[in-house]
PDB file of N, CA and C in Angstrom:
ATOM      1  N   MET A   1       0.550  -1.014   0.045  1.00  0.00           N
ATOM      2  CA  MET A   1       0.254   0.232   0.197  1.00  0.00           C
ATOM      3  C   MET A   1       0.848   1.148   0.340  1.00  0.00           C
ATOM      4  N   LEU A   2       0.573   1.813  -0.957  1.00  0.00           N
ATOM      5  CA  LEU A   2       1.780   3.255  -0.876  1.00  0.00           C
ATOM      6  C   LEU A   2       0.784   4.453  -1.091  1.00  0.00           C
ATOM      7  N   VAL A   3       0.885   5.768  -0.138  1.00  0.00           N
ATOM      8  CA  VAL A   3       0.271   7.088  -0.299  1.00  0.00           C
ATOM      9  C   VAL A   3       0.072   7.456  -1.289  1.00  0.00           C
ATOM     10  N   LYS A   4       1.084   7.285  -2.252  1.00  0.00           N
ATOM     11  CA  LYS A   4       1.293   8.082  -3.310  1.00  0.00           C
ATOM     12  C   LYS A   4      -0.129   7.622  -4.352  1.00  0.00           C
ATOM     13  N   ASN A   5      -0.955   6.606  -3.787  1.00  0.00           N
ATOM     14  CA  ASN A   5      -2.121   5.948  -4.255  1.00  0.00           C
ATOM     15  C   ASN A   5      -2.996   6.817  -3.749  1.00  0.00           C
ATOM     16  N   PHE A   6      -2.909   7.024  -2.624  1.00  0.00           N
ATOM     17  CA  PHE A   6      -4.239   7.020  -1.482  1.00  0.00           C
ATOM     18  C   PHE A   6      -4.777   8.219  -2.113  1.00  0.00           C
ATOM     19  N   LYS A   7      -6.289   8.225  -2.566  1.00  0.00           N
ATOM     20  CA  LYS A   7      -7.125   9.601  -2.875  1.00  0.00           C
ATOM     21  C   LYS A   7      -8.048  10.073  -2.047  1.00  0.00           C
ATOM     22  N   ARG A   8      -8.335   9.069  -1.362  1.00  0.00           N
ATOM     23  CA  ARG A   8     -10.088   9.308  -0.539  1.00  0.00           C
ATOM     24  C   ARG A   8     -10.208   9.528   0.656  1.00  0.00           C
ATOM     25  N   PRO A   9     -11.367  10.311   1.469  1.00  0.00           N
ATOM     26  CA  PRO A   9     -11.084  10.948   2.903  1.00  0.00           C
ATOM     27  C   PRO A   9     -10.495   9.717   3.444  1.00  0.00           C
ATOM     28  N   SER A  10      -9.538   9.974   4.937  1.00  0.00           N
ATOM     29  CA  SER A  10      -9.323   8.634   5.568  1.00  0.00           C
ATOM     30  C   SER A  10      -9.669   8.986   6.696  1.00  0.00           C
ATOM     31  N   LEU A  11     -10.071   8.150   7.761  1.00  0.00           N
ATOM     32  CA  LEU A  11     -10.046   8.068   9.026  1.00  0.00           C
ATOM     33  C   LEU A  11      -9.407   7.565   9.862  1.00  0.00           C
ATOM     34  N   VAL A  12      -8.438   7.500  10.412  1.00  0.00           N
ATOM     35  CA  VAL A  12      -7.242   6.994  11.486  1.00  0.00           C
ATOM     36  C   VAL A  12      -7.863   7.271  12.752  1.00  0.00           C
ATOM     37  N   SER A  13      -8.189   6.291  13.179  1.00  0.00           N
ATOM     38  CA  SER A  13      -8.460   5.487  14.627  1.00  0.00           C
ATOM     39  C   SER A  13      -7.106   4.658  15.531  1.00  0.00           C
ATOM     40  N   HIS A  14      -6.281   5.186  16.584  1.00  0.00           N
ATOM     41  CA  HIS A  14      -5.368   4.577  17.162  1.00  0.00           C
ATOM     42  C   HIS A  14      -5.571   4.647  18.318  1.00  0.00           C
ATOM     43  N   GLY A  15      -5.018   3.326  19.108  1.00  0.00           N
ATOM     44  CA  GLY A  15      -5.110   3.427  20.583  1.00  0.00           C
ATOM     45  C   GLY A  15      -3.087   3.600  20.971  1.00  0.00           C
ATOM     46  N   GLU A  16      -3.461   4.595  21.798  1.00  0.00           N
ATOM     47  CA  GLU A  16      -1.844   4.240  22.453  1.00  0.00           C
ATOM     48  C   GLU A  16      -1.371   2.495  22.782  1.00  0.00           C
ATOM     49  N   LEU A  17      -2.201   2.017  23.438  1.00  0.00           N
ATOM     50  CA  LEU A  17      -2.068   0.725  24.074  1.00  0.00           C
ATOM     51  C   LEU A  17      -2.119   0.174  22.804  1.00  0.00           C
ATOM     52  N   ASP A  18      -1.948   0.260  21.781  1.00  0.00           N
ATOM     53  CA  ASP A  18      -2.415  -0.872  20.477  1.00  0.00           C
ATOM     54  C   ASP A  18      -0.547  -1.506  20.627  1.00  0.00           C
ATOM     55  N   PHE A  19      -0.540  -2.981  20.971  1.00  0.00           N
ATOM     56  CA  PHE A  19       0.725  -3.571  20.546  1.00  0.00           C
ATOM     57  C   PHE A  19       1.097  -4.254  19.677  1.00  0.00           C
ATOM     58  N   ARG A  20      -0.382  -4.642  18.715  1.00  0.00           N
ATOM     59  CA  ARG A  20      -0.254  -5.006  17.488  1.00  0.00           C
ATOM     60  C   ARG A  20       0.089  -4.198  16.417  1.00  0.00           C
ATOM     61  N   VAL A  21       0.211  -2.408  16.394  1.00  0.00           N
ATOM     62  CA  VAL A  21       0.139  -1.924  15.606  1.00  0.00           C
ATOM     63  C   VAL A  21       0.894  -0.399  16.232  1.00  0.00           C
ATOM     64  N   PRO A  22       2.017   0.036  16.456  1.00  0.00           N
ATOM     65  CA  PRO A  22       2.476   0.695  17.081  1.00  0.00           C
ATOM     66  C   PRO A  22       2.444   2.072  17.077  1.00  0.00           C
ATOM     67  N   ILE A  23       1.832   2.915  17.953  1.00  0.00           N
ATOM     68  CA  ILE A  23       1.359   4.075  17.825  1.00  0.00           C
ATOM     69  C   ILE A  23       1.456   5.108  17.074  1.00  0.00           C
ATOM     70  N   GLY A  24       3.165   4.895  16.392  1.00  0.00           N
ATOM     71  CA  GLY A  24       3.685   5.598  15.607  1.00  0.00           C
ATOM     72  C   GLY A  24       3.527   5.829  14.280  1.00  0.00           C
ATOM     73  N   GLN A  25       2.871   4.518  13.498  1.00  0.00           N
ATOM     74  CA  GLN A  25       2.524   3.713  12.341  1.00  0.00           C
ATOM     75  C   GLN A  25       1.242   4.978  12.440  1.00  0.00           C
ATOM     76  N   GLY A  26       0.459   4.510  13.034  1.00  0.00           N
ATOM     77  CA  GLY A  26      -0.980   5.394  12.613  1.00  0.00           C
ATOM     78  C   GLY A  26      -0.299   7.041  12.498  1.00  0.00           C
ATOM     79  N   MET A  27       0.180   7.641  13.486  1.00  0.00           N
ATOM     80  CA  MET A  27       0.880   9.085  13.599  1.00  0.00           C
ATOM     81  C   MET A  27       1.560   9.202  11.705  1.00  0.00           C
ATOM     82  N   GLU A  28       1.904   8.352  11.897  1.00  0.00           N
ATOM     83  CA  GLU A  28       2.839   8.331  10.427  1.00  0.00           C
ATOM     84  C   GLU A  28       1.648   7.972   8.749  1.00  0.00           C
ATOM     85  N   LEU A  29       0.842   7.944   9.210  1.00  0.00           N
ATOM     86  CA  LEU A  29      -0.538   7.511   7.878  1.00  0.00           C
ATOM     87  C   LEU A  29      -0.901   8.997   8.214  1.00  0.00           C
ATOM     88  N   PHE A  30      -1.364   9.287   8.848  1.00  0.00           N
ATOM     89  CA  PHE A  30      -2.146  10.596   9.238  1.00  0.00           C
ATOM     90  C   PHE A  30      -1.389  11.812   8.851  1.00  0.00           C
ATOM     91  N   THR A  31       0.207  11.830   9.007  1.00  0.00           N
ATOM     92  CA  THR A  31       0.784  12.872   8.758  1.00  0.00           C
ATOM     93  C   THR A  31       1.195  12.560   7.075  1.00  0.00           C
ATOM     94  N   ALA A  32       1.212  11.376   6.900  1.00  0.00           N
ATOM     95  CA  ALA A  32       0.915  11.262   5.208  1.00  0.00           C
ATOM     96  C   ALA A  32       0.123  11.962   4.599  1.00  0.00           C
ATOM     97  N   LEU A  33      -1.315  11.295   4.814  1.00  0.00           N
ATOM     98  CA  LEU A  33      -2.745  11.718   4.222  1.00  0.00           C
ATOM     99  C   LEU A  33      -2.153  13.671   4.074  1.00  0.00           C
ATOM    100  N   GLN A  34      -1.991  14.147   5.466  1.00  0.00           N
ATOM    101  CA  GLN A  34      -2.099  15.985   5.915  1.00  0.00           C
ATOM    102  C   GLN A  34      -1.208  15.751   4.623  1.00  0.00           C
ATOM    103  N   ARG A  35       0.044  15.437   4.618  1.00  0.00           N
ATOM    104  CA  ARG A  35       1.057  16.248   3.824  1.00  0.00           C
ATOM    105  C   ARG A  35       0.810  16.189   2.302  1.00  0.00           C
ATOM    106  N   ARG A  36      -0.542  15.549   1.608  1.00  0.00           N
ATOM    107  CA  ARG A  36      -0.899  15.149   0.261  1.00  0.00           C
ATOM    108  C   ARG A  36      -1.867  15.776   0.179  1.00  0.00           C
ATOM    109  N   GLY A  37      -2.118  16.303   1.137  1.00  0.00           N
ATOM    110  CA  GLY A  37      -3.545  17.156   0.797  1.00  0.00           C
ATOM    111  C   GLY A  37      -4.959  16.579   1.110  1.00  0.00           C
ATOM    112  N   ILE A  38      -4.727  15.212   1.319  1.00  0.00           N
ATOM    113  CA  ILE A  38      -6.257  14.543   1.529  1.00  0.00           C
ATOM    114  C   ILE A  38      -7.088  14.736   2.824  1.00  0.00           C
ATOM    115  N   PRO A  39      -7.883  15.054   2.407  1.00  0.00           N
ATOM    116  CA  PRO A  39      -9.170  15.113   3.878  1.00  0.00           C
ATOM    117  C   PRO A  39      -8.848  13.865   4.813  1.00  0.00           C
ATOM    118  N   SER A  40      -8.341  14.293   6.029  1.00  0.00           N
ATOM    119  CA  SER A  40      -7.952  13.138   6.901  1.00  0.00           C
ATOM    120  C   SER A  40      -8.211  13.563   8.610  1.00  0.00           C
ATOM    121  N   LYS A  41      -8.519  12.807   9.448  1.00  0.00           N
ATOM    122  CA  LYS A  41      -8.932  12.601  10.577  1.00  0.00           C
ATOM    123  C   LYS A  41      -8.180  11.671  11.335  1.00  0.00           C
ATOM    124  N   PHE A  42      -7.777  12.283  12.693  1.00  0.00           N
ATOM    125  CA  PHE A  42      -6.919  11.451  13.324  1.00  0.00           C
ATOM    126  C   PHE A  42      -7.853  11.305  14.676  1.00  0.00           C
ATOM    127  N   LEU A  43      -8.400  10.131  15.545  1.00  0.00           N
ATOM    128  CA  LEU A  43      -9.095  10.079  16.300  1.00  0.00           C
ATOM    129  C   LEU A  43      -7.999   8.815  16.945  1.00  0.00           C
ATOM    130  N   TYR A  44      -7.618   9.827  18.083  1.00  0.00           N
ATOM    131  CA  TYR A  44      -6.505   9.018  19.202  1.00  0.00           C
ATOM    132  C   TYR A  44      -7.025   8.841  20.760  1.00  0.00           C
ATOM    133  N   TYR A  45      -6.687   7.736  21.047  1.00  0.00           N
ATOM    134  CA  TYR A  45      -7.348   6.815  22.065  1.00  0.00           C
ATOM    135  C   TYR A  45      -5.933   6.663  22.739  1.00  0.00           C
ATOM    136  N   PRO A  46      -5.355   7.420  24.511  1.00  0.00           N
ATOM    137  CA  PRO A  46      -4.746   7.372  24.894  1.00  0.00           C
ATOM    138  C   PRO A  46      -4.789   5.893  25.416  1.00  0.00           C
ATOM    139  N   ASP A  47      -5.984   5.925  25.894  1.00  0.00           N
ATOM    140  CA  ASP A  47      -6.168   4.231  27.219  1.00  0.00           C
ATOM    141  C   ASP A  47      -6.976   3.405  26.560  1.00  0.00           C
ATOM    142  N   GLU A  48      -6.406   3.266  25.355  1.00  0.00           N
ATOM    143  CA  GLU A  48      -7.134   1.858  24.545  1.00  0.00           C
ATOM    144  C   GLU A  48      -5.854   1.482  23.532  1.00  0.00           C
ATOM    145  N   GLY A  49      -6.522  -0.181  23.575  1.00  0.00           N
ATOM    146  CA  GLY A  49      -5.567  -0.986  22.429  1.00  0.00           C
ATOM    147  C   GLY A  49      -5.658  -0.803  21.098  1.00  0.00           C
ATOM    148  N   HIS A  50      -5.650  -2.255  20.393  1.00  0.00           N
ATOM    149  CA  HIS A  50      -6.040  -2.444  19.316  1.00  0.00           C
ATOM    150  C   HIS A  50      -7.846  -2.153  19.301  1.00  0.00           C
ATOM    151  N   TRP A  51      -8.530  -2.196  20.299  1.00  0.00           N
ATOM    152  CA  TRP A  51     -10.246  -2.609  20.416  1.00  0.00           C
ATOM    153  C   TRP A  51     -10.479  -1.483  21.078  1.00  0.00           C
ATOM    154  N   VAL A  52     -11.617  -0.671  20.540  1.00  0.00           N
ATOM    155  CA  VAL A  52     -11.896   0.418  21.381  1.00  0.00           C
ATOM    156  C   VAL A  52     -13.361  -0.135  22.225  1.00  0.00           C
ATOM    157  N   LEU A  53     -12.970  -0.117  23.566  1.00  0.00           N
ATOM    158  CA  LEU A  53     -13.527  -0.970  24.513  1.00  0.00           C
ATOM    159  C   LEU A  53     -14.197   0.014  25.479  1.00  0.00           C
ATOM    160  N   LYS A  54     -13.982   0.827  26.155  1.00  0.00           N
ATOM    161  CA  LYS A  54     -14.494   1.938  27.234  1.00  0.00           C
ATOM    162  C   LYS A  54     -15.558   2.568  26.629  1.00  0.00           C
ATOM    163  N   PRO A  55     -16.459   1.981  27.849  1.00  0.00           N
ATOM    164  CA  PRO A  55     -17.738   2.865  26.800  1.00  0.00           C
ATOM    165  C   PRO A  55     -17.737   4.256  26.388  1.00  0.00           C
ATOM    166  N   GLN A  56     -17.256   5.205  27.043  1.00  0.00           N
ATOM    167  CA  GLN A  56     -16.924   6.583  26.690  1.00  0.00           C
ATOM    168  C   GLN A  56     -16.577   7.015  25.443  1.00  0.00           C
ATOM    169  N   ASN A  57     -15.425   5.774  25.187  1.00  0.00           N
ATOM    170  CA  ASN A  57     -14.427   5.832  23.828  1.00  0.00           C
ATOM    171  C   ASN A  57     -15.446   5.310  22.693  1.00  0.00           C
ATOM    172  N   SER A  58     -16.181   4.374  23.071  1.00  0.00           N
ATOM    173  CA  SER A  58     -16.760   3.339  21.946  1.00  0.00           C
ATOM    174  C   SER A  58     -18.003   4.666  21.743  1.00  0.00           C
ATOM    175  N   GLN A  59     -18.635   5.532  22.611  1.00  0.00           N
ATOM    176  CA  GLN A  59     -19.466   6.397  22.002  1.00  0.00           C
ATOM    177  C   GLN A  59     -18.601   7.307  21.205  1.00  0.00           C
ATOM    178  N   LEU A  60     -17.661   7.802  21.882  1.00  0.00           N
ATOM    179  CA  LEU A  60     -17.090   8.765  20.398  1.00  0.00           C
ATOM    180  C   LEU A  60     -16.770   7.945  19.207  1.00  0.00           C
ATOM    181  N   TRP A  61     -16.043   6.879  18.973  1.00  0.00           N
ATOM    182  CA  TRP A  61     -16.090   6.232  17.967  1.00  0.00           C
ATOM    183  C   TRP A  61     -17.288   6.436  17.247  1.00  0.00           C
ATOM    184  N   TYR A  62     -18.169   5.720  17.514  1.00  0.00           N
ATOM    185  CA  TYR A  62     -19.072   5.907  17.243  1.00  0.00           C
ATOM    186  C   TYR A  62     -19.949   7.210  16.168  1.00  0.00           C
ATOM    187  N   GLN A  63     -19.846   7.911  17.340  1.00  0.00           N
ATOM    188  CA  GLN A  63     -20.202   9.316  16.961  1.00  0.00           C
ATOM    189  C   GLN A  63     -19.384   9.634  15.430  1.00  0.00           C
ATOM    190  N   THR A  64     -17.873   9.703  15.962  1.00  0.00           N
ATOM    191  CA  THR A  64     -16.966  10.408  14.960  1.00  0.00           C
ATOM    192  C   THR A  64     -17.194   9.749  13.378  1.00  0.00           C
ATOM    193  N   VAL A  65     -17.002   8.063  13.510  1.00  0.00           N
ATOM    194  CA  VAL A  65     -17.398   7.446  12.424  1.00  0.00           C
ATOM    195  C   VAL A  65     -18.416   7.193  11.878  1.00  0.00           C
ATOM    196  N   GLY A  66     -20.031   7.542  11.890  1.00  0.00           N
ATOM    197  CA  GLY A  66     -21.359   8.467  11.830  1.00  0.00           C
ATOM    198  C   GLY A  66     -20.769   9.825  11.448  1.00  0.00           C
ATOM    199  N   ASP A  67     -20.554  10.700  11.801  1.00  0.00           N
ATOM    200  CA  ASP A  67     -20.217  11.973  11.271  1.00  0.00           C
ATOM    201  C   ASP A  67     -19.041  11.878   9.899  1.00  0.00           C
ATOM    202  N   TRP A  68     -18.258  10.848  10.215  1.00  0.00           N
ATOM    203  CA  TRP A  68     -17.753  10.799   8.662  1.00  0.00           C
ATOM    204  C   TRP A  68     -18.006  10.538   7.446  1.00  0.00           C
ATOM    205  N   PHE A  69     -18.812   9.183   8.001  1.00  0.00           N
ATOM    206  CA  PHE A  69     -19.671   8.759   6.711  1.00  0.00           C
ATOM    207  C   PHE A  69     -20.894   9.745   6.718  1.00  0.00           C
ATOM    208  N   ASP A  70     -21.548  10.301   7.233  1.00  0.00           N
ATOM    209  CA  ASP A  70     -22.460  11.465   6.708  1.00  0.00           C
ATOM    210  C   ASP A  70     -21.142  12.290   6.083  1.00  0.00           C
ATOM    211  N   GLN A  71     -20.446  12.964   6.461  1.00  0.00           N
ATOM    212  CA  GLN A  71     -19.964  13.935   5.691  1.00  0.00           C
ATOM    213  C   GLN A  71     -19.405  13.760   4.333  1.00  0.00           C
ATOM    214  N   TRP A  72     -18.391  12.636   4.162  1.00  0.00           N
ATOM    215  CA  TRP A  72     -18.161  12.112   3.111  1.00  0.00           C
ATOM    216  C   TRP A  72     -18.974  11.498   2.051  1.00  0.00           C
ATOM    217  N   LEU A  73     -20.066  10.631   2.717  1.00  0.00           N
ATOM    218  CA  LEU A  73     -20.945   9.351   1.310  1.00  0.00           C
ATOM    219  C   LEU A  73     -22.372  10.110   1.598  1.00  0.00           C
ATOM    220  N   LYS A  74     -22.715  10.477   2.336  1.00  0.00           N
ATOM    221  CA  LYS A  74     -23.980  11.690   1.463  1.00  0.00           C
ATOM    222  C   LYS A  74     -23.832  12.770   0.567  1.00  0.00           C
ATOM    223  N   LYS A  75     -24.679  12.268  -0.179  1.00  0.00           N
ATOM    224  CA  LYS A  75     -24.527  13.148  -1.418  1.00  0.00           C
ATOM    225  C   LYS A  75     -25.002  14.448  -1.526  1.00  0.00           C
TER     226      LYS A  75
END
């Protein structure tokens, strides 16, 4: 997957405690998207791992994803 081929708006969601994908990789992806001028947003959870499990964080995730879909998928 090469960032130079990315064209679509992207939502990057990442937890600090994710041991599968280090936080730096999520930040690198978001930074690369921003530098290319691709509409993007970074949703960061300092207290979550690979899965968003805490109720308040889950609520934020669902709201953010729903808003993102509304913004980019509705005509």
